[in-house]
Amino acid sequence: MSDGGEVPAGVHKALMFPSVSLRRSLLSALALLTLASHAEAQTPAAAATRPESAMPAAAEEGQDPDMSRKLPLPRFVSLKSARVNLRVGPGKDYAVSWLFTKPGLPVEIIQEYDLWRRIRDADGTEGWVYHSLLSGERTALAAPWLKSKKGALVTVHRSAAADSSVVAEMEPGVVAKVRECSFSWCEVEAGGRRGFVSQNEMWGVYPDERF
């Protein structure tokens, strides 16, 4: 038994020659420390040299989507606002010839000038309005040419067939939302009712138009 002056042979060997598992642990720890130091040194430089193209692009403002798409003329749209001034020319300096007060009313764009649109309503009234007062949402009037005919009604069917059941009837001039049109029938919604109307009984869609 030693009194502390000499180190036992077994202990001395363990300190000088650590086990294989201990050496592997020490090497792994050293490798992790090296990688961490390398990452900290590289992160600021990488952030500083990131190209601007990698950043999210800001949305462009002030563009007129109606112009960028180059939509055809003529085309149907609807009034977006409850008060739309109809002017005699394409600009705010031109006199107001009419005031529309019915949002959702279908109108037909027949001419364009810069951000102004020349429109025509179902009665044939024409004039210029600012583009932002119009909406791409499609609406239509139920047979406005039958307004003077007493008792005239437009039939709304359950399906796109003349012999399908009737779900509602609309008075001439009623505005309906048009969801889609195909094969001479349009799916519309008005007064909480939804169904199909013959395309030739609506003003606001072209004959045989599909969308």
Foldseek 3Di string as FASTA:
>chain_A
DDPPPDDDPVVVCCVVPPDPVVVVVVVVVVVVVVVVVVCVVCVVVCVVPDDPVVDDDDDDPDDDPVVVVPDDPWAKWWFAAQWWFFFADADPVGDGPDIHRDGGAMWIFHDDDDQKTWIAHPVGDIGITGNVRIGRFFKWWFQQVCQVPPPDWFFFFAAPDPPGDTDDIHDGGFIWGWDWDAPQWTWTDDPNDIGIGGNVRIGGDDGRDTD
